[in-house]
Amino acid sequence: MSGKSLELRKFVAPEFIYGTGALSLTGRYAQNLGARKA
């Protein structure tokens, strides 16, 4: 195994929306992220 496999990598994680009332907030969060249609 080479040392290259242990390098840290940057990544983009999606927003996670969960909990009571989360479904009613998904549209607002999608709009904040620039979505026009879902």
C-alpha atoms as a PDB file:
ATOM      1  CA  MET A   1       0.000   0.000   0.000  1.00  0.00           C
ATOM      2  CA  SER A   2       1.462   3.363  -0.958  1.00  0.00           C
ATOM      3  CA  GLY A   3       1.531   6.509   1.174  1.00  0.00           C
ATOM      4  CA  LYS A   4      -0.695   8.240  -1.390  1.00  0.00           C
ATOM      5  CA  SER A   5      -3.728   6.250  -0.230  1.00  0.00           C
ATOM      6  CA  LEU A   6      -3.592   7.964   3.172  1.00  0.00           C
ATOM      7  CA  GLU A   7      -3.868  11.533   1.828  1.00  0.00           C
ATOM      8  CA  LEU A   8      -6.801  13.602   3.018  1.00  0.00           C
ATOM      9  CA  ARG A   9      -9.219  14.667   0.332  1.00  0.00           C
ATOM     10  CA  LYS A  10     -11.727  17.502   0.229  1.00  0.00           C
ATOM     11  CA  PHE A  11     -15.299  16.701  -0.673  1.00  0.00           C
ATOM     12  CA  VAL A  12     -18.685  18.384  -0.859  1.00  0.00           C
ATOM     13  CA  ALA A  13     -21.453  16.874   1.248  1.00  0.00           C
ATOM     14  CA  PRO A  14     -25.107  17.556   0.520  1.00  0.00           C
ATOM     15  CA  GLU A  15     -27.312  19.203   3.086  1.00  0.00           C
ATOM     16  CA  PHE A  16     -29.043  16.725   5.371  1.00  0.00           C
ATOM     17  CA  ILE A  17     -32.531  17.690   6.487  1.00  0.00           C
ATOM     18  CA  TYR A  18     -34.212  15.459   9.050  1.00  0.00           C
ATOM     19  CA  GLY A  19     -36.457  15.614  12.097  1.00  0.00           C
ATOM     20  CA  THR A  20     -39.937  16.862  12.878  1.00  0.00           C
ATOM     21  CA  GLY A  21     -41.168  19.265  10.194  1.00  0.00           C
ATOM     22  CA  ALA A  22     -38.206  18.614   7.915  1.00  0.00           C
ATOM     23  CA  LEU A  23     -40.361  17.976   4.854  1.00  0.00           C
ATOM     24  CA  SER A  24     -41.890  21.446   5.084  1.00  0.00           C
ATOM     25  CA  LEU A  25     -38.395  23.025   5.097  1.00  0.00           C
ATOM     26  CA  THR A  26     -36.884  21.174   2.130  1.00  0.00           C
ATOM     27  CA  GLY A  27     -38.223  23.646  -0.438  1.00  0.00           C
ATOM     28  CA  ARG A  28     -36.719  26.594   1.422  1.00  0.00           C
ATOM     29  CA  TYR A  29     -33.310  24.915   1.714  1.00  0.00           C
ATOM     30  CA  ALA A  30     -33.352  23.873  -1.947  1.00  0.00           C
ATOM     31  CA  GLN A  31     -34.106  27.461  -2.956  1.00  0.00           C
ATOM     32  CA  ASN A  32     -31.268  28.744  -0.748  1.00  0.00           C
ATOM     33  CA  LEU A  33     -28.910  26.368  -2.575  1.00  0.00           C
ATOM     34  CA  GLY A  34     -30.022  27.742  -5.959  1.00  0.00           C
ATOM     35  CA  ALA A  35     -32.525  25.101  -7.049  1.00  0.00           C
ATOM     36  CA  ARG A  36     -35.364  26.200  -9.311  1.00  0.00           C
ATOM     37  CA  LYS A  37     -37.166  22.851  -9.591  1.00  0.00           C
ATOM     38  CA  ALA A  38     -37.199  19.797  -7.378  1.00  0.00           C
END
